[in-house]
N, C-alpha and C. Protein backbone atom coordinates (compact mmCIF):
# COMPACT_ATOMS: atom_id res chain seq x y z
N UNK A 1 123.67 77.27 126.92
CA UNK A 1 123.29 76.39 128.01
C UNK A 1 122.33 77.08 128.97
N UNK A 2 122.60 78.37 129.24
CA UNK A 2 121.70 79.12 130.11
C UNK A 2 120.32 79.27 129.47
N UNK A 3 120.31 79.56 128.15
CA UNK A 3 119.04 79.72 127.45
C UNK A 3 118.25 78.41 127.43
N UNK A 4 118.96 77.30 127.21
CA UNK A 4 118.29 76.00 127.19
C UNK A 4 117.73 75.65 128.56
N UNK A 5 118.50 75.93 129.63
CA UNK A 5 118.03 75.67 131.00
C UNK A 5 116.79 76.50 131.32
N UNK A 6 116.85 77.79 130.98
CA UNK A 6 115.71 78.68 131.22
C UNK A 6 114.48 78.19 130.45
N UNK A 7 114.69 77.80 129.18
CA UNK A 7 113.58 77.33 128.36
C UNK A 7 112.95 76.06 128.94
N UNK A 8 113.80 75.19 129.49
CA UNK A 8 113.30 73.95 130.08
C UNK A 8 112.34 74.25 131.24
N UNK A 9 112.71 75.19 132.09
CA UNK A 9 111.85 75.53 133.22
C UNK A 9 110.57 76.24 132.77
N UNK A 10 110.67 77.03 131.72
CA UNK A 10 109.47 77.69 131.19
C UNK A 10 108.50 76.64 130.65
N UNK A 11 109.05 75.62 129.95
CA UNK A 11 108.21 74.54 129.43
C UNK A 11 107.51 73.81 130.58
N UNK A 12 108.24 73.49 131.65
CA UNK A 12 107.65 72.81 132.80
C UNK A 12 106.59 73.67 133.47
N UNK A 13 106.84 74.97 133.53
CA UNK A 13 105.90 75.89 134.17
C UNK A 13 104.58 75.95 133.41
N UNK A 14 104.65 75.69 132.10
CA UNK A 14 103.44 75.70 131.28
C UNK A 14 102.80 74.31 131.19
N UNK A 15 103.17 73.47 132.17
CA UNK A 15 102.55 72.15 132.33
C UNK A 15 102.77 71.22 131.14
N UNK A 16 103.90 71.39 130.47
CA UNK A 16 104.29 70.46 129.41
C UNK A 16 105.28 69.46 130.01
N UNK A 17 104.93 68.19 129.98
CA UNK A 17 105.76 67.17 130.58
C UNK A 17 106.42 66.31 129.50
N UNK A 18 107.57 65.73 129.84
CA UNK A 18 108.29 64.89 128.89
C UNK A 18 107.44 63.71 128.42
N UNK A 19 106.56 63.24 129.30
CA UNK A 19 105.71 62.10 128.93
C UNK A 19 104.69 62.49 127.87
N UNK A 20 104.45 63.79 127.70
CA UNK A 20 103.48 64.24 126.71
C UNK A 20 104.08 64.36 125.31
N UNK A 21 105.40 64.23 125.20
CA UNK A 21 106.06 64.47 123.92
C UNK A 21 105.96 63.25 123.01
N UNK A 22 105.90 63.53 121.71
CA UNK A 22 105.91 62.48 120.70
C UNK A 22 107.36 62.16 120.37
N UNK A 23 107.89 61.13 121.02
CA UNK A 23 109.32 60.84 120.89
C UNK A 23 109.69 60.36 119.49
N UNK A 24 108.74 59.76 118.78
CA UNK A 24 109.00 59.37 117.40
C UNK A 24 109.26 60.61 116.54
N UNK A 25 108.45 61.62 116.76
CA UNK A 25 108.64 62.89 116.05
C UNK A 25 109.97 63.54 116.44
N UNK A 26 110.31 63.47 117.72
CA UNK A 26 111.58 64.05 118.19
C UNK A 26 112.76 63.37 117.52
N UNK A 27 112.74 62.04 117.46
CA UNK A 27 113.84 61.30 116.83
C UNK A 27 113.96 61.65 115.34
N UNK A 28 112.82 61.74 114.66
CA UNK A 28 112.85 62.11 113.24
C UNK A 28 113.37 63.52 113.05
N UNK A 29 112.98 64.43 113.92
CA UNK A 29 113.42 65.83 113.83
C UNK A 29 114.92 65.95 114.08
N UNK A 30 115.43 65.17 115.03
CA UNK A 30 116.86 65.21 115.33
C UNK A 30 117.67 64.71 114.14
N UNK A 31 117.22 63.62 113.51
CA UNK A 31 117.92 63.10 112.33
C UNK A 31 117.88 64.13 111.19
N UNK A 32 116.74 64.74 111.01
CA UNK A 32 116.59 65.75 109.96
C UNK A 32 117.50 66.95 110.22
N UNK A 33 117.54 67.39 111.47
CA UNK A 33 118.35 68.56 111.84
C UNK A 33 119.85 68.27 111.72
N UNK A 34 120.26 67.09 112.18
CA UNK A 34 121.68 66.73 112.08
C UNK A 34 122.10 66.62 110.62
N UNK A 35 121.23 66.06 109.79
CA UNK A 35 121.52 65.96 108.36
C UNK A 35 121.68 67.32 107.72
N UNK A 36 120.78 68.24 108.05
CA UNK A 36 120.87 69.59 107.51
C UNK A 36 122.11 70.32 108.02
N UNK A 37 122.48 70.06 109.26
CA UNK A 37 123.70 70.66 109.81
C UNK A 37 124.92 70.19 109.04
N UNK A 38 124.97 68.87 108.75
CA UNK A 38 126.10 68.32 108.00
C UNK A 38 126.15 68.91 106.59
N UNK A 39 124.99 69.07 105.96
CA UNK A 39 124.92 69.66 104.63
C UNK A 39 125.44 71.10 104.65
N UNK A 40 124.96 71.87 105.61
CA UNK A 40 125.39 73.26 105.71
C UNK A 40 126.89 73.38 105.95
N UNK A 41 127.43 72.48 106.77
CA UNK A 41 128.86 72.50 107.07
C UNK A 41 129.68 72.19 105.82
N UNK A 42 129.27 71.17 105.07
CA UNK A 42 130.00 70.79 103.87
C UNK A 42 129.93 71.87 102.79
N UNK A 43 128.78 72.51 102.64
CA UNK A 43 128.61 73.52 101.60
C UNK A 43 129.32 74.82 101.95
N UNK A 44 129.40 75.14 103.24
CA UNK A 44 129.98 76.42 103.65
C UNK A 44 131.49 76.34 103.87
N UNK A 45 132.01 75.17 104.15
CA UNK A 45 133.43 75.04 104.48
C UNK A 45 134.37 75.59 103.41
N UNK A 46 134.13 75.34 102.10
CA UNK A 46 135.06 75.87 101.10
C UNK A 46 135.20 77.39 101.13
N UNK A 47 134.15 78.09 101.54
CA UNK A 47 134.21 79.55 101.61
C UNK A 47 135.32 80.00 102.55
N UNK A 48 135.54 79.23 103.62
CA UNK A 48 136.55 79.58 104.61
C UNK A 48 137.89 78.92 104.36
N UNK A 49 137.88 77.76 103.70
CA UNK A 49 139.12 77.03 103.46
C UNK A 49 139.90 77.58 102.27
N UNK A 50 139.20 77.92 101.19
CA UNK A 50 139.87 78.33 99.95
C UNK A 50 140.76 79.57 100.11
N UNK A 51 140.32 80.63 100.80
CA UNK A 51 141.23 81.77 100.97
C UNK A 51 142.53 81.41 101.67
N UNK A 52 142.45 80.51 102.65
CA UNK A 52 143.66 80.07 103.36
C UNK A 52 144.54 79.24 102.44
N UNK A 53 143.91 78.42 101.61
CA UNK A 53 144.66 77.60 100.67
C UNK A 53 145.40 78.48 99.65
N UNK A 54 144.71 79.49 99.14
CA UNK A 54 145.33 80.41 98.17
C UNK A 54 146.44 81.20 98.84
N UNK A 55 146.21 81.64 100.05
CA UNK A 55 147.22 82.41 100.79
C UNK A 55 148.49 81.60 100.99
N UNK A 56 148.34 80.32 101.33
CA UNK A 56 149.51 79.49 101.61
C UNK A 56 150.25 79.09 100.33
N UNK A 57 149.54 78.95 99.20
CA UNK A 57 150.18 78.49 97.97
C UNK A 57 150.63 79.63 97.06
N UNK A 58 149.89 80.75 97.07
CA UNK A 58 150.19 81.83 96.12
C UNK A 58 150.61 83.14 96.79
N UNK A 59 150.14 83.36 98.01
CA UNK A 59 150.51 84.60 98.69
C UNK A 59 149.34 85.55 98.86
N UNK A 60 149.55 86.64 99.58
CA UNK A 60 148.46 87.56 99.94
C UNK A 60 147.85 88.31 98.76
N UNK A 61 148.64 88.60 97.72
CA UNK A 61 148.10 89.34 96.57
C UNK A 61 147.02 88.55 95.86
N UNK A 62 147.29 87.28 95.58
CA UNK A 62 146.30 86.43 94.93
C UNK A 62 145.12 86.13 95.85
N UNK A 63 145.39 86.03 97.14
CA UNK A 63 144.29 85.81 98.08
C UNK A 63 143.33 86.99 98.08
N UNK A 64 143.89 88.21 97.97
CA UNK A 64 143.05 89.40 97.91
C UNK A 64 142.25 89.43 96.61
N UNK A 65 142.88 89.05 95.49
CA UNK A 65 142.17 89.00 94.21
C UNK A 65 141.02 88.01 94.26
N UNK A 66 141.27 86.86 94.87
CA UNK A 66 140.20 85.87 95.01
C UNK A 66 139.06 86.43 95.84
N UNK A 67 139.40 87.07 96.93
CA UNK A 67 138.36 87.56 97.83
C UNK A 67 137.48 88.60 97.14
N UNK A 68 138.09 89.50 96.37
CA UNK A 68 137.32 90.53 95.68
C UNK A 68 136.41 89.90 94.63
N UNK A 69 136.96 88.97 93.84
CA UNK A 69 136.15 88.28 92.83
C UNK A 69 135.00 87.52 93.49
N UNK A 70 135.29 86.88 94.61
CA UNK A 70 134.26 86.14 95.33
C UNK A 70 133.18 87.09 95.86
N UNK A 71 133.59 88.23 96.37
CA UNK A 71 132.63 89.19 96.91
C UNK A 71 131.67 89.68 95.82
N UNK A 72 132.20 89.92 94.63
CA UNK A 72 131.35 90.38 93.52
C UNK A 72 130.45 89.25 93.04
N UNK A 73 131.02 88.06 92.85
CA UNK A 73 130.25 86.92 92.34
C UNK A 73 129.18 86.48 93.33
N UNK A 74 129.44 86.66 94.62
CA UNK A 74 128.48 86.22 95.62
C UNK A 74 127.15 86.95 95.51
N UNK A 75 127.16 88.13 94.88
CA UNK A 75 125.90 88.84 94.65
C UNK A 75 124.96 88.01 93.77
N UNK A 76 125.54 87.26 92.83
CA UNK A 76 124.72 86.40 91.98
C UNK A 76 124.10 85.26 92.77
N UNK A 77 124.85 84.76 93.75
CA UNK A 77 124.38 83.59 94.50
C UNK A 77 123.24 83.95 95.44
N UNK A 78 123.03 85.24 95.67
CA UNK A 78 121.89 85.66 96.48
C UNK A 78 120.58 85.30 95.79
N UNK A 79 120.57 85.38 94.45
CA UNK A 79 119.34 85.12 93.69
C UNK A 79 118.83 83.69 93.89
N UNK A 80 119.63 82.65 93.60
CA UNK A 80 119.12 81.29 93.82
C UNK A 80 118.85 80.98 95.28
N UNK A 81 119.63 81.57 96.18
CA UNK A 81 119.39 81.34 97.60
C UNK A 81 118.02 81.86 98.01
N UNK A 82 117.67 83.06 97.53
CA UNK A 82 116.37 83.65 97.86
C UNK A 82 115.23 82.83 97.26
N UNK A 83 115.37 82.45 96.01
CA UNK A 83 114.31 81.69 95.35
C UNK A 83 114.14 80.30 95.97
N UNK A 84 115.23 79.66 96.31
CA UNK A 84 115.14 78.32 96.90
C UNK A 84 114.52 78.38 98.29
N UNK A 85 114.81 79.43 99.04
CA UNK A 85 114.18 79.60 100.36
C UNK A 85 112.68 79.79 100.21
N UNK A 86 112.28 80.60 99.23
CA UNK A 86 110.86 80.80 98.97
C UNK A 86 110.18 79.50 98.59
N UNK A 87 110.84 78.70 97.75
CA UNK A 87 110.27 77.42 97.33
C UNK A 87 110.12 76.49 98.52
N UNK A 88 111.11 76.47 99.40
CA UNK A 88 111.05 75.61 100.58
C UNK A 88 109.86 75.99 101.47
N UNK A 89 109.63 77.29 101.63
CA UNK A 89 108.51 77.75 102.45
C UNK A 89 107.18 77.35 101.81
N UNK A 90 107.06 77.56 100.50
CA UNK A 90 105.83 77.20 99.81
C UNK A 90 105.57 75.69 99.89
N UNK A 91 106.62 74.91 99.64
CA UNK A 91 106.47 73.46 99.69
C UNK A 91 106.13 72.95 101.08
N UNK A 92 106.68 73.58 102.09
CA UNK A 92 106.42 73.17 103.47
C UNK A 92 104.99 73.48 103.90
N UNK A 93 104.36 74.43 103.21
CA UNK A 93 102.99 74.81 103.55
C UNK A 93 101.97 74.18 102.60
N UNK A 94 102.39 73.14 101.87
CA UNK A 94 101.43 72.35 101.13
C UNK A 94 101.21 72.73 99.69
N UNK A 95 102.02 73.66 99.15
CA UNK A 95 101.87 74.02 97.74
C UNK A 95 102.29 72.85 96.86
N UNK A 96 101.69 72.76 95.66
CA UNK A 96 102.06 71.70 94.73
C UNK A 96 103.52 71.84 94.35
N UNK A 97 104.31 70.85 94.73
CA UNK A 97 105.77 70.99 94.66
C UNK A 97 106.27 71.09 93.24
N UNK A 98 105.77 70.24 92.35
CA UNK A 98 106.26 70.26 90.96
C UNK A 98 105.93 71.57 90.28
N UNK A 99 104.69 72.04 90.43
CA UNK A 99 104.28 73.30 89.81
C UNK A 99 105.09 74.47 90.36
N UNK A 100 105.25 74.51 91.69
CA UNK A 100 106.00 75.59 92.32
C UNK A 100 107.47 75.58 91.89
N UNK A 101 108.04 74.37 91.76
CA UNK A 101 109.45 74.26 91.36
C UNK A 101 109.67 74.77 89.95
N UNK A 102 108.83 74.34 89.02
CA UNK A 102 108.98 74.78 87.63
C UNK A 102 108.81 76.29 87.51
N UNK A 103 107.85 76.84 88.23
CA UNK A 103 107.62 78.28 88.22
C UNK A 103 108.82 79.02 88.80
N UNK A 104 109.37 78.50 89.89
CA UNK A 104 110.51 79.13 90.55
C UNK A 104 111.74 79.10 89.65
N UNK A 105 112.00 77.95 89.02
CA UNK A 105 113.16 77.83 88.14
C UNK A 105 113.07 78.80 86.97
N UNK A 106 111.90 78.90 86.37
CA UNK A 106 111.71 79.80 85.23
C UNK A 106 111.97 81.25 85.62
N UNK A 107 111.36 81.69 86.71
CA UNK A 107 111.53 83.08 87.16
C UNK A 107 112.96 83.37 87.57
N UNK A 108 113.57 82.40 88.25
CA UNK A 108 114.95 82.59 88.73
C UNK A 108 115.92 82.78 87.58
N UNK A 109 115.83 81.96 86.55
CA UNK A 109 116.76 82.06 85.44
C UNK A 109 116.49 83.30 84.58
N UNK A 110 115.25 83.74 84.51
CA UNK A 110 114.95 84.99 83.80
C UNK A 110 115.69 86.15 84.46
N UNK A 111 115.79 86.11 85.77
CA UNK A 111 116.50 87.17 86.49
C UNK A 111 118.00 86.95 86.50
N UNK A 112 118.44 85.70 86.63
CA UNK A 112 119.85 85.41 86.83
C UNK A 112 120.67 85.51 85.55
N UNK A 113 120.14 85.03 84.44
CA UNK A 113 120.91 84.99 83.19
C UNK A 113 121.42 86.37 82.76
N UNK A 114 120.60 87.43 82.78
CA UNK A 114 121.14 88.74 82.41
C UNK A 114 122.24 89.21 83.36
N UNK A 115 122.12 88.89 84.65
CA UNK A 115 123.15 89.30 85.61
C UNK A 115 124.47 88.58 85.34
N UNK A 116 124.38 87.29 85.01
CA UNK A 116 125.59 86.54 84.67
C UNK A 116 126.23 87.12 83.41
N UNK A 117 125.41 87.45 82.43
CA UNK A 117 125.92 88.04 81.19
C UNK A 117 126.64 89.36 81.46
N UNK A 118 126.07 90.19 82.30
CA UNK A 118 126.67 91.50 82.62
C UNK A 118 128.03 91.32 83.28
N UNK A 119 128.12 90.38 84.23
CA UNK A 119 129.40 90.17 84.92
C UNK A 119 130.44 89.56 83.99
N UNK A 120 130.00 88.66 83.11
CA UNK A 120 130.94 88.01 82.19
C UNK A 120 131.48 88.99 81.15
N UNK A 121 130.70 90.03 80.82
CA UNK A 121 131.12 90.98 79.79
C UNK A 121 131.77 92.22 80.41
N UNK A 122 131.17 92.73 81.47
CA UNK A 122 131.63 94.00 82.04
C UNK A 122 132.29 93.84 83.41
N UNK A 123 132.56 92.59 83.81
CA UNK A 123 133.12 92.35 85.13
C UNK A 123 134.49 92.97 85.34
N UNK A 124 135.30 93.01 84.26
CA UNK A 124 136.63 93.61 84.40
C UNK A 124 136.54 95.08 84.80
N UNK A 125 135.61 95.80 84.17
CA UNK A 125 135.44 97.22 84.49
C UNK A 125 135.03 97.40 85.95
N UNK A 126 134.18 96.50 86.42
CA UNK A 126 133.75 96.58 87.81
C UNK A 126 134.91 96.33 88.76
N UNK A 127 135.74 95.33 88.44
CA UNK A 127 136.90 95.04 89.27
C UNK A 127 137.89 96.20 89.26
N UNK A 128 138.07 96.84 88.12
CA UNK A 128 138.99 97.97 88.02
C UNK A 128 138.49 99.16 88.83
N UNK A 129 137.18 99.28 88.97
CA UNK A 129 136.64 100.35 89.82
C UNK A 129 137.02 100.13 91.28
N UNK A 130 137.08 98.87 91.68
CA UNK A 130 137.47 98.56 93.06
C UNK A 130 138.96 98.79 93.27
N UNK A 131 139.75 98.42 92.25
CA UNK A 131 141.20 98.61 92.33
C UNK A 131 141.85 98.10 91.06
N UNK A 132 142.81 98.83 90.54
CA UNK A 132 143.43 98.45 89.26
C UNK A 132 144.11 97.09 89.35
N UNK A 133 144.59 96.73 90.53
CA UNK A 133 145.29 95.46 90.68
C UNK A 133 144.34 94.26 90.63
N UNK A 134 143.02 94.52 90.70
CA UNK A 134 142.07 93.41 90.73
C UNK A 134 141.56 93.03 89.34
N UNK A 135 141.97 93.75 88.31
CA UNK A 135 141.54 93.43 86.96
C UNK A 135 141.96 92.04 86.53
N UNK A 136 143.07 91.55 87.08
CA UNK A 136 143.55 90.22 86.71
C UNK A 136 142.65 89.10 87.21
N UNK A 137 141.72 89.42 88.10
CA UNK A 137 140.80 88.41 88.64
C UNK A 137 139.56 88.25 87.76
N UNK A 138 139.55 88.89 86.59
CA UNK A 138 138.37 88.85 85.72
C UNK A 138 138.06 87.42 85.27
N UNK A 139 139.08 86.65 84.89
CA UNK A 139 138.84 85.27 84.47
C UNK A 139 138.21 84.44 85.58
N UNK A 140 138.68 84.64 86.80
CA UNK A 140 138.11 83.95 87.95
C UNK A 140 136.65 84.36 88.15
N UNK A 141 136.38 85.66 88.02
CA UNK A 141 135.02 86.16 88.19
C UNK A 141 134.08 85.55 87.15
N UNK A 142 134.54 85.43 85.91
CA UNK A 142 133.71 84.83 84.86
C UNK A 142 133.34 83.39 85.20
N UNK A 143 134.32 82.62 85.65
CA UNK A 143 134.06 81.22 86.00
C UNK A 143 133.09 81.12 87.18
N UNK A 144 133.26 81.98 88.16
CA UNK A 144 132.35 81.98 89.30
C UNK A 144 130.93 82.36 88.87
N UNK A 145 130.83 83.34 87.97
CA UNK A 145 129.52 83.78 87.50
C UNK A 145 128.80 82.65 86.77
N UNK A 146 129.51 81.95 85.91
CA UNK A 146 128.91 80.84 85.18
C UNK A 146 128.52 79.71 86.13
N UNK A 147 129.35 79.47 87.13
CA UNK A 147 129.06 78.39 88.08
C UNK A 147 127.81 78.68 88.89
N UNK A 148 127.42 79.95 89.00
CA UNK A 148 126.19 80.29 89.73
C UNK A 148 124.96 79.68 89.08
N UNK A 149 125.02 79.45 87.76
CA UNK A 149 123.90 78.81 87.07
C UNK A 149 123.74 77.36 87.53
N UNK A 150 124.86 76.66 87.67
CA UNK A 150 124.82 75.28 88.17
C UNK A 150 124.42 75.26 89.65
N UNK A 151 124.92 76.24 90.40
CA UNK A 151 124.57 76.32 91.82
C UNK A 151 123.07 76.53 91.98
N UNK A 152 122.46 77.26 91.05
CA UNK A 152 121.02 77.51 91.11
C UNK A 152 120.24 76.20 91.05
N UNK A 153 120.66 75.31 90.16
CA UNK A 153 120.02 74.00 90.05
C UNK A 153 120.17 73.23 91.36
N UNK A 154 121.38 73.29 91.90
CA UNK A 154 121.67 72.61 93.17
C UNK A 154 120.79 73.16 94.29
N UNK A 155 120.68 74.48 94.35
CA UNK A 155 119.94 75.13 95.42
C UNK A 155 118.45 74.77 95.37
N UNK A 156 117.86 74.78 94.18
CA UNK A 156 116.45 74.44 94.04
C UNK A 156 116.21 72.97 94.40
N UNK A 157 117.10 72.10 93.94
CA UNK A 157 116.97 70.67 94.24
C UNK A 157 117.05 70.42 95.74
N UNK A 158 117.93 71.15 96.41
CA UNK A 158 118.06 71.00 97.86
C UNK A 158 116.75 71.36 98.56
N UNK A 159 116.10 72.43 98.10
CA UNK A 159 114.83 72.83 98.72
C UNK A 159 113.76 71.77 98.51
N UNK A 160 113.69 71.22 97.30
CA UNK A 160 112.70 70.19 97.00
C UNK A 160 112.91 68.97 97.90
N UNK A 161 114.15 68.52 98.01
CA UNK A 161 114.44 67.33 98.80
C UNK A 161 114.29 67.58 100.29
N UNK A 162 114.50 68.81 100.73
CA UNK A 162 114.26 69.12 102.14
C UNK A 162 112.76 69.02 102.45
N UNK A 163 111.93 69.48 101.53
CA UNK A 163 110.49 69.36 101.72
C UNK A 163 110.10 67.89 101.77
N UNK A 164 110.70 67.10 100.89
CA UNK A 164 110.42 65.66 100.84
C UNK A 164 111.14 64.87 101.93
N UNK A 165 111.97 65.57 102.72
CA UNK A 165 112.74 64.97 103.82
C UNK A 165 113.66 63.86 103.34
N UNK A 166 114.17 64.03 102.13
CA UNK A 166 115.13 63.08 101.57
C UNK A 166 116.54 63.67 101.75
N UNK A 167 117.05 63.56 102.96
CA UNK A 167 118.30 64.22 103.33
C UNK A 167 119.52 63.45 102.85
N UNK A 168 119.39 62.14 102.68
CA UNK A 168 120.53 61.31 102.31
C UNK A 168 121.19 61.75 101.01
N UNK A 169 120.38 61.99 99.98
CA UNK A 169 120.94 62.39 98.68
C UNK A 169 121.59 63.77 98.77
N UNK A 170 121.07 64.63 99.66
CA UNK A 170 121.65 65.97 99.81
C UNK A 170 123.01 65.90 100.50
N UNK A 171 123.16 65.00 101.45
CA UNK A 171 124.47 64.81 102.08
C UNK A 171 125.46 64.29 101.04
N UNK A 172 125.02 63.37 100.20
CA UNK A 172 125.88 62.83 99.14
C UNK A 172 126.34 63.94 98.19
N UNK A 173 125.41 64.78 97.73
CA UNK A 173 125.76 65.86 96.82
C UNK A 173 126.67 66.89 97.50
N UNK A 174 126.41 67.18 98.76
CA UNK A 174 127.25 68.13 99.50
C UNK A 174 128.67 67.60 99.64
N UNK A 175 128.79 66.31 99.89
CA UNK A 175 130.11 65.70 100.01
C UNK A 175 130.85 65.72 98.68
N UNK A 176 130.13 65.46 97.58
CA UNK A 176 130.73 65.52 96.25
C UNK A 176 131.21 66.94 95.96
N UNK A 177 130.35 67.93 96.24
CA UNK A 177 130.70 69.32 95.98
C UNK A 177 131.92 69.75 96.79
N UNK A 178 131.92 69.41 98.07
CA UNK A 178 133.04 69.78 98.95
C UNK A 178 134.34 69.12 98.49
N UNK A 179 134.28 67.82 98.21
CA UNK A 179 135.49 67.08 97.83
C UNK A 179 136.08 67.59 96.53
N UNK A 180 135.22 67.83 95.53
CA UNK A 180 135.71 68.31 94.25
C UNK A 180 136.28 69.72 94.36
N UNK A 181 135.58 70.59 95.10
CA UNK A 181 136.03 71.98 95.17
C UNK A 181 137.37 72.10 95.89
N UNK A 182 137.51 71.41 97.01
CA UNK A 182 138.76 71.48 97.76
C UNK A 182 139.87 70.69 97.06
N UNK A 183 139.54 69.48 96.61
CA UNK A 183 140.55 68.64 95.97
C UNK A 183 141.08 69.24 94.67
N UNK A 184 140.18 69.69 93.80
CA UNK A 184 140.61 70.29 92.53
C UNK A 184 141.36 71.59 92.75
N UNK A 185 140.92 72.38 93.72
CA UNK A 185 141.63 73.63 94.01
C UNK A 185 143.06 73.35 94.42
N UNK A 186 143.24 72.35 95.27
CA UNK A 186 144.58 71.99 95.72
C UNK A 186 145.47 71.59 94.54
N UNK A 187 144.87 70.88 93.55
CA UNK A 187 145.64 70.42 92.40
C UNK A 187 145.85 71.50 91.34
N UNK A 188 144.86 72.37 91.17
CA UNK A 188 144.88 73.33 90.06
C UNK A 188 145.53 74.67 90.40
N UNK A 189 145.54 75.05 91.66
CA UNK A 189 146.13 76.33 92.05
C UNK A 189 147.60 76.42 91.64
N UNK A 190 148.43 75.40 91.91
CA UNK A 190 149.84 75.51 91.50
C UNK A 190 150.02 75.63 89.99
N UNK A 191 149.08 75.08 89.21
CA UNK A 191 149.22 75.08 87.75
C UNK A 191 148.61 76.32 87.10
N UNK A 192 147.44 76.72 87.55
CA UNK A 192 146.71 77.82 86.89
C UNK A 192 146.64 79.09 87.74
N UNK A 193 147.17 79.05 88.94
CA UNK A 193 147.06 80.21 89.81
C UNK A 193 145.66 80.30 90.39
N UNK A 194 145.25 81.51 90.72
CA UNK A 194 143.97 81.71 91.38
C UNK A 194 142.80 81.32 90.48
N UNK A 195 142.99 81.35 89.15
CA UNK A 195 141.93 80.94 88.23
C UNK A 195 141.59 79.45 88.42
N UNK A 196 142.54 78.66 88.93
CA UNK A 196 142.28 77.26 89.19
C UNK A 196 141.12 77.05 90.15
N UNK A 197 140.93 77.99 91.07
CA UNK A 197 139.80 77.90 91.99
C UNK A 197 138.49 78.04 91.21
N UNK A 198 138.49 78.93 90.21
CA UNK A 198 137.30 79.08 89.38
C UNK A 198 136.95 77.80 88.64
N UNK A 199 137.98 77.11 88.14
CA UNK A 199 137.73 75.82 87.48
C UNK A 199 137.13 74.82 88.47
N UNK A 200 137.61 74.84 89.70
CA UNK A 200 137.10 73.90 90.70
C UNK A 200 135.64 74.22 91.03
N UNK A 201 135.29 75.50 91.09
CA UNK A 201 133.89 75.88 91.30
C UNK A 201 133.02 75.34 90.18
N UNK A 202 133.47 75.56 88.95
CA UNK A 202 132.69 75.17 87.78
C UNK A 202 132.49 73.65 87.73
N UNK A 203 133.56 72.90 87.94
CA UNK A 203 133.47 71.43 87.89
C UNK A 203 132.64 70.90 89.05
N UNK A 204 132.83 71.48 90.23
CA UNK A 204 132.12 71.02 91.42
C UNK A 204 130.61 71.16 91.26
N UNK A 205 130.16 72.39 91.00
CA UNK A 205 128.72 72.63 90.86
C UNK A 205 128.17 72.00 89.59
N UNK A 206 128.97 71.95 88.52
CA UNK A 206 128.52 71.33 87.29
C UNK A 206 128.29 69.84 87.45
N UNK A 207 129.20 69.17 88.16
CA UNK A 207 129.04 67.74 88.41
C UNK A 207 127.79 67.45 89.23
N UNK A 208 127.57 68.25 90.27
CA UNK A 208 126.36 68.07 91.09
C UNK A 208 125.10 68.32 90.27
N UNK A 209 125.14 69.33 89.40
CA UNK A 209 123.99 69.60 88.53
C UNK A 209 123.73 68.42 87.60
N UNK A 210 124.80 67.76 87.14
CA UNK A 210 124.65 66.57 86.32
C UNK A 210 123.95 65.44 87.05
N UNK A 211 124.37 65.20 88.31
CA UNK A 211 123.70 64.18 89.13
C UNK A 211 122.23 64.52 89.32
N UNK A 212 121.95 65.80 89.53
CA UNK A 212 120.57 66.24 89.74
C UNK A 212 119.75 66.01 88.47
N UNK A 213 120.35 66.28 87.30
CA UNK A 213 119.67 66.02 86.05
C UNK A 213 119.26 64.56 85.92
N UNK A 214 120.16 63.65 86.30
CA UNK A 214 119.85 62.23 86.27
C UNK A 214 118.73 61.88 87.24
N UNK A 215 118.77 62.48 88.43
CA UNK A 215 117.75 62.22 89.44
C UNK A 215 116.38 62.71 88.95
N UNK A 216 116.36 63.86 88.29
CA UNK A 216 115.10 64.41 87.78
C UNK A 216 114.49 63.49 86.74
N UNK A 217 115.34 62.95 85.85
CA UNK A 217 114.85 62.03 84.83
C UNK A 217 114.33 60.73 85.45
N UNK A 218 115.09 60.19 86.41
CA UNK A 218 114.70 58.94 87.05
C UNK A 218 113.39 59.09 87.81
N UNK A 219 113.19 60.24 88.47
CA UNK A 219 111.99 60.46 89.26
C UNK A 219 110.80 60.90 88.41
N UNK A 220 111.04 61.10 87.11
CA UNK A 220 109.94 61.41 86.22
C UNK A 220 109.51 62.86 86.21
N UNK A 221 110.41 63.77 86.61
CA UNK A 221 110.10 65.20 86.59
C UNK A 221 110.32 65.80 85.20
N UNK A 222 111.03 65.07 84.35
CA UNK A 222 111.33 65.60 83.01
C UNK A 222 111.00 64.55 81.95
């Protein structure tokens, strides 16, 4: 509030008046920003909810196993996040969106696929290096690693639609992802243990990737 108040007076001091503002642009920007805020909230919430859910249903040991597997798998998710951010910047500055997207997807998967393979094959050894008790989280780590491939598709699609300012479909996909991940985890944890969370990751991101595949075909990108 203090920063906003100070900024307001600085704006007035530089002879910028409210009557000079393009209110149509302001209204569009507010809708765009609120939409992106809702998307970010829906996509990030499972990161904070799932450990509490595991802790309450399975106990601290399984919660720790989940956290370690998540910490290792999250390294894979850095790759699509970085590439999608780069694509968003290029698209926002007028680059040909279709060409940039295809180039980004190709480069991203060339880098990501070997990393997924390494974690799926040697992930147990990595977990054992952290602690012998974490070796049991290998199945969960494998599912998370595979789900990063579907998340990559989701991440790139989000960047494309943000450039196109088509926020509605992104809110829909975020809601689907959130609902499936939390709902399936709640149902699968009692039956499969902590690995049930991995299944929920896979189904959640896989379902969203399926919707994106349909959207790509309908829009004539494929």
